[in-house]
Amino acid sequence: MDNTRLAHLVASIGSLNGYGSSIAQTKKALDTGNVQYLKQGTEDSNIFKDAVAGIDAIKEIGFNEDGIIAVNKAFVNSEEEDPILPGHLRNTLYNTDDNIAITVDEHSQKAYIPKGIVTREDLKKIVDNFKNSKQTRFDGLRVFAQLSKLQPFQDGNKRTALIAANAALDIWSDEHYLVLPFNDLDKAEFSINLMRYYDAKTPDKENEYLKRMNSFLPGFNELNYNKSIEKAKSLKNVKTKPLFRDKKVKTQKADYSDLDNSLFNHSRGIHH
């Protein structure tokens, strides 16, 4: 197993929850089995443990409904980021913790609300659609997008979806992992189009945004893998300024006030 490549996947999974450790730090943790090499004072060690456990779970079971559930069920290390009931399929009729809404604009005035009751049949449909496809990397990306949009679990849905998409492609041997953009601008474009995919009402629109998402995925070659573990140029003596500046606005109570507004973090549940 090439831990440099696996480190890319683990860091990509973690990026969905603000994982801040570098590829080199992640590789060192994989090489040694010791999370002390990760960025300290953060949730990184817990997100790392979740990612590794989720990958191991679906590698053992395979890409099917049970495998997808097993991934989410393995997310037990982070009190802040993990579901209250790991592996539990949401049912809003019986559990208020299963209520989820995802903001699709920066001011939380519009939200995507996924179906309230998720069943194994919903997962099976996604699995069967992939198995009946040409099983290309684009089809693997579709698995990620479909599971993310379905939001089958209370939390950790995009992390679950990315691990499941890699399992669908069965690339544990060649290790050409499906990972999300590492470049911040590409990541922003990818995330925006994922939000558009959530909001899409027709298969044609979904496919349009899926193609846009695909255009921002990183390519795979040994040069990229090797360069990615080199140390970034120090900005210690350089004056840095943000591209966008936060505007000070008056705060007011909104319908989705306790949602996470970040494009890069997973959705949070609304508790009624």
Protein backbone atom coordinates (compact mmCIF):
# COMPACT_ATOMS: atom_id res chain seq x y z
CA MET A 1 0.00 0.00 0.00
CA ASP A 2 1.29 3.44 -0.97
CA ASN A 3 0.70 5.62 2.06
CA THR A 4 1.49 8.77 0.08
CA ARG A 5 -1.53 8.12 -2.10
CA LEU A 6 -3.67 6.99 0.82
CA ALA A 7 -2.70 10.18 2.65
CA HIS A 8 -4.27 12.15 -0.20
CA LEU A 9 -7.55 10.28 0.25
CA VAL A 10 -7.56 10.64 4.04
CA ALA A 11 -6.76 14.37 3.81
CA SER A 12 -9.43 14.80 1.13
CA ILE A 13 -12.00 13.11 3.35
CA GLY A 14 -10.89 15.27 6.26
CA SER A 15 -11.08 18.46 4.21
CA LEU A 16 -14.86 18.14 4.35
CA ASN A 17 -14.59 18.91 8.07
CA GLY A 18 -11.79 21.44 8.22
CA TYR A 19 -8.92 18.94 8.50
CA GLY A 20 -5.76 21.02 8.68
CA SER A 21 -2.91 18.50 8.70
CA SER A 22 -0.68 18.37 5.63
CA ILE A 23 -0.28 15.41 3.29
CA ALA A 24 3.17 14.81 4.78
CA GLN A 25 1.79 14.82 8.34
CA THR A 26 -1.04 12.50 7.32
CA LYS A 27 1.40 10.11 5.64
CA LYS A 28 3.58 10.05 8.76
CA ALA A 29 0.54 9.17 10.87
CA LEU A 30 -0.34 6.37 8.44
CA ASP A 31 3.25 5.09 8.36
CA THR A 32 3.56 4.97 12.13
CA GLY A 33 -0.04 4.51 13.26
CA ASN A 34 0.53 7.47 15.58
CA VAL A 35 -1.73 10.52 15.38
CA GLN A 36 0.76 12.68 17.30
CA TYR A 37 2.25 13.63 13.92
CA LEU A 38 -0.97 15.38 12.94
CA LYS A 39 -1.70 19.05 13.55
CA GLN A 40 -2.29 19.36 17.27
CA GLY A 41 -5.01 21.24 19.10
CA THR A 42 -7.59 20.39 16.43
CA GLU A 43 -10.09 17.70 15.56
CA ASP A 44 -7.63 16.25 13.02
CA SER A 45 -6.75 13.12 14.98
CA ASN A 46 -10.43 12.21 15.38
CA ILE A 47 -11.24 12.90 11.73
CA PHE A 48 -8.17 10.85 10.74
CA LYS A 49 -9.34 7.90 12.87
CA ASP A 50 -12.84 8.13 11.39
CA ALA A 51 -11.51 8.13 7.82
CA VAL A 52 -9.24 5.13 8.34
CA ALA A 53 -11.98 3.20 10.16
CA GLY A 54 -14.53 4.00 7.45
CA ILE A 55 -12.17 2.87 4.68
CA ASP A 56 -11.40 -0.37 6.53
CA ALA A 57 -15.11 -1.03 7.10
CA ILE A 58 -16.18 -0.81 3.46
CA LYS A 59 -13.08 -2.64 2.21
CA GLU A 60 -14.20 -5.59 4.32
CA ILE A 61 -17.86 -5.52 3.27
CA GLY A 62 -17.73 -4.10 -0.25
CA PHE A 63 -19.79 -1.51 -2.08
CA ASN A 64 -23.39 -2.23 -1.15
CA GLU A 65 -26.00 -0.91 1.27
CA ASP A 66 -24.34 -2.59 4.25
CA GLY A 67 -20.95 -1.23 3.25
CA ILE A 68 -22.23 2.35 3.03
CA ILE A 69 -23.91 2.06 6.42
CA ALA A 70 -20.75 0.52 7.90
CA VAL A 71 -18.71 3.55 6.83
CA ASN A 72 -20.93 5.97 8.72
CA LYS A 73 -21.18 3.56 11.65
CA ALA A 74 -17.39 3.81 11.99
CA PHE A 75 -17.59 7.56 12.63
CA VAL A 76 -17.40 7.51 16.41
CA ASN A 77 -14.25 9.45 17.27
CA SER A 78 -15.39 13.07 16.94
CA GLU A 79 -18.07 14.34 19.28
CA GLU A 80 -18.27 17.56 17.27
CA GLU A 81 -18.41 16.17 13.72
CA ASP A 82 -19.92 12.70 13.98
CA PRO A 83 -23.58 11.62 14.03
CA ILE A 84 -25.34 11.08 17.34
CA LEU A 85 -26.41 7.66 16.04
CA PRO A 86 -23.66 6.44 13.67
CA GLY A 87 -24.97 4.33 10.80
CA HIS A 88 -28.60 5.22 11.54
CA LEU A 89 -30.70 6.03 8.45
CA ARG A 90 -32.63 9.24 9.03
CA ASN A 91 -36.34 9.10 9.79
CA THR A 92 -37.77 12.48 10.74
CA LEU A 93 -41.10 10.98 11.79
CA TYR A 94 -39.50 9.38 14.82
CA ASN A 95 -36.34 11.34 15.58
CA THR A 96 -35.98 15.11 15.66
CA ASP A 97 -32.19 14.73 15.40
CA ASP A 98 -32.81 13.46 11.86
CA ASN A 99 -34.04 16.86 10.64
CA ILE A 100 -31.45 18.32 8.27
CA ALA A 101 -31.31 21.41 6.08
CA ILE A 102 -28.34 22.54 4.00
CA THR A 103 -27.84 26.19 3.21
CA VAL A 104 -27.24 26.93 -0.45
CA ASP A 105 -26.40 30.62 -0.13
CA GLU A 106 -24.05 32.48 2.19
CA HIS A 107 -26.80 34.29 4.06
CA SER A 108 -28.89 31.18 4.83
CA GLN A 109 -31.96 32.58 3.12
CA LYS A 110 -32.35 29.46 1.01
CA ALA A 111 -31.84 25.87 2.08
CA TYR A 112 -31.93 22.44 0.51
CA ILE A 113 -33.98 20.06 2.63
CA PRO A 114 -33.42 16.37 1.77
CA LYS A 115 -36.14 13.76 2.06
CA GLY A 116 -37.03 13.07 5.67
CA ILE A 117 -37.21 9.29 5.56
CA VAL A 118 -34.25 7.39 4.10
CA THR A 119 -34.43 3.64 3.58
CA ARG A 120 -32.05 0.89 2.52
CA GLU A 121 -33.87 0.94 -0.82
CA ASP A 122 -32.60 4.49 -1.40
CA LEU A 123 -29.04 3.27 -0.90
CA LYS A 124 -29.66 0.21 -3.08
CA LYS A 125 -30.86 2.42 -5.93
CA ILE A 126 -27.57 4.35 -5.89
CA VAL A 127 -25.57 1.12 -5.70
CA ASP A 128 -27.52 -0.49 -8.55
CA ASN A 129 -27.27 2.60 -10.73
CA PHE A 130 -23.50 2.49 -10.44
CA LYS A 131 -23.28 -1.26 -11.05
CA ASN A 132 -25.40 -0.84 -14.19
CA SER A 133 -23.23 2.01 -15.47
CA LYS A 134 -19.88 1.89 -17.29
CA GLN A 135 -18.30 2.31 -13.83
CA THR A 136 -16.03 5.16 -14.90
CA ARG A 137 -14.54 7.71 -12.51
CA PHE A 138 -17.35 10.04 -13.56
CA ASP A 139 -19.83 7.38 -12.43
CA GLY A 140 -17.91 7.19 -9.15
CA LEU A 141 -18.26 10.94 -8.75
CA ARG A 142 -21.99 10.50 -9.33
CA VAL A 143 -22.10 8.10 -6.37
CA PHE A 144 -20.47 10.79 -4.23
CA ALA A 145 -22.93 13.44 -5.39
CA GLN A 146 -26.02 11.23 -5.06
CA LEU A 147 -25.17 10.09 -1.54
CA SER A 148 -24.27 13.63 -0.52
CA LYS A 149 -27.59 14.93 -1.83
CA LEU A 150 -29.55 12.12 -0.18
CA GLN A 151 -28.01 12.91 3.24
CA PRO A 152 -28.89 9.43 4.51
CA PHE A 153 -27.29 9.89 7.94
CA GLN A 154 -27.43 12.47 10.71
CA ASP A 155 -23.90 13.67 10.01
CA GLY A 156 -20.71 12.77 8.15
CA ASN A 157 -22.61 12.31 4.89
CA LYS A 158 -20.05 13.73 2.45
CA ARG A 159 -17.24 11.85 4.17
CA THR A 160 -19.29 8.67 3.89
CA ALA A 161 -20.07 9.45 0.26
CA LEU A 162 -16.43 9.98 -0.73
CA ILE A 163 -15.31 6.73 0.88
CA ALA A 164 -18.24 4.89 -0.74
CA ALA A 165 -17.42 6.35 -4.16
CA ASN A 166 -13.88 5.00 -3.91
CA ALA A 167 -15.22 1.62 -2.87
CA ALA A 168 -17.59 1.65 -5.85
CA LEU A 169 -14.62 2.18 -8.17
CA ASP A 170 -12.77 -0.63 -6.34
CA ILE A 171 -9.48 1.19 -6.64
CA TRP A 172 -7.87 -0.18 -3.51
CA SER A 173 -5.37 -2.08 -5.66
CA ASP A 174 -4.29 0.55 -8.21
CA GLU A 175 -4.73 3.30 -5.60
CA HIS A 176 -5.79 5.96 -8.10
CA TYR A 177 -8.13 7.38 -5.50
CA LEU A 178 -11.01 9.69 -6.26
CA VAL A 179 -10.15 12.78 -4.23
CA LEU A 180 -11.60 16.26 -4.04
CA PRO A 181 -9.73 19.39 -5.15
CA PHE A 182 -6.85 20.46 -2.91
CA ASN A 183 -6.43 23.84 -4.59
CA ASP A 184 -8.59 26.30 -2.64
CA LEU A 185 -10.07 27.99 -5.73
CA ASP A 186 -10.90 24.66 -7.36
CA LYS A 187 -12.36 23.47 -4.06
CA ALA A 188 -14.60 26.54 -3.94
CA GLU A 189 -15.83 25.97 -7.51
CA PHE A 190 -16.41 22.28 -6.80
CA SER A 191 -18.36 23.03 -3.62
CA ILE A 192 -20.51 25.68 -5.30
CA ASN A 193 -21.47 23.24 -8.03
CA LEU A 194 -22.22 20.56 -5.45
CA MET A 195 -24.63 23.04 -3.87
CA ARG A 196 -26.17 23.57 -7.31
CA TYR A 197 -26.42 19.80 -7.70
CA TYR A 198 -28.34 19.65 -4.42
CA ASP A 199 -30.72 22.31 -5.69
CA ALA A 200 -31.18 20.73 -9.14
CA LYS A 201 -34.72 19.53 -9.84
CA THR A 202 -34.10 17.35 -12.92
CA PRO A 203 -31.58 14.65 -13.93
CA ASP A 204 -30.38 16.86 -16.80
CA LYS A 205 -29.59 19.69 -14.40
CA GLU A 206 -27.89 17.29 -12.01
CA ASN A 207 -25.75 15.99 -14.85
CA GLU A 208 -24.83 19.53 -15.89
CA TYR A 209 -23.51 20.36 -12.44
CA LEU A 210 -21.86 16.97 -12.09
CA LYS A 211 -19.84 17.70 -15.23
CA ARG A 212 -18.79 21.03 -13.77
CA MET A 213 -17.72 19.33 -10.55
CA ASN A 214 -15.75 16.76 -12.52
CA SER A 215 -13.82 19.48 -14.34
CA PHE A 216 -12.26 20.61 -11.04
CA LEU A 217 -11.10 17.21 -9.82
CA PRO A 218 -7.31 16.82 -9.68
CA GLY A 219 -5.47 14.57 -12.13
CA PHE A 220 -3.32 11.67 -11.07
CA ASN A 221 0.37 11.14 -11.75
CA GLU A 222 3.45 10.39 -9.68
CA LEU A 223 4.82 13.94 -10.10
CA ASN A 224 1.72 15.42 -8.48
CA TYR A 225 1.88 12.90 -5.64
CA ASN A 226 5.54 13.58 -4.96
CA LYS A 227 5.24 17.37 -5.18
CA SER A 228 2.27 17.39 -2.83
CA ILE A 229 4.36 16.24 0.13
CA GLU A 230 6.98 18.96 -0.34
CA LYS A 231 6.88 21.80 2.17
CA ALA A 232 4.99 24.88 1.02
CA LYS A 233 6.88 28.15 0.66
CA SER A 234 6.96 29.99 3.96
CA LEU A 235 4.84 33.13 4.24
CA LYS A 236 6.40 34.10 7.54
CA ASN A 237 7.91 37.36 6.28
CA VAL A 238 5.25 38.11 3.70
CA LYS A 239 2.29 40.41 4.26
CA THR A 240 -0.85 38.45 3.46
CA LYS A 241 -4.31 39.84 2.79
CA PRO A 242 -7.60 37.99 2.23
CA LEU A 243 -9.17 38.04 -1.21
CA PHE A 244 -12.58 38.66 0.36
CA ARG A 245 -13.20 40.73 3.47
CA ASP A 246 -16.00 40.03 5.87
CA LYS A 247 -18.69 42.70 5.97
CA LYS A 248 -20.03 43.77 9.32
CA VAL A 249 -23.77 43.30 9.30
CA LYS A 250 -26.47 43.54 11.90
CA THR A 251 -27.35 40.12 13.21
CA GLN A 252 -30.90 38.93 13.25
CA LYS A 253 -32.64 35.69 13.98
CA ALA A 254 -33.11 33.53 10.87
CA ASP A 255 -35.02 30.36 10.19
CA TYR A 256 -31.78 28.40 9.79
CA SER A 257 -29.73 30.30 12.37
CA ASP A 258 -28.00 27.24 13.82
CA LEU A 259 -26.84 25.82 10.51
CA ASP A 260 -23.17 25.70 9.49
CA ASN A 261 -22.83 28.21 6.63
CA SER A 262 -19.46 27.03 5.37
CA LEU A 263 -19.40 25.61 1.85
CA PHE A 264 -16.59 23.29 2.89
CA ASN A 265 -18.06 21.81 6.05
CA HIS A 266 -20.80 19.24 6.25
CA SER A 267 -24.40 20.17 7.01
CA ARG A 268 -25.68 20.38 10.54
CA GLY A 269 -29.04 19.14 11.75
CA ILE A 270 -31.85 21.42 12.79
CA HIS A 271 -33.29 20.33 16.11
CA HIS A 272 -36.88 21.16 16.72
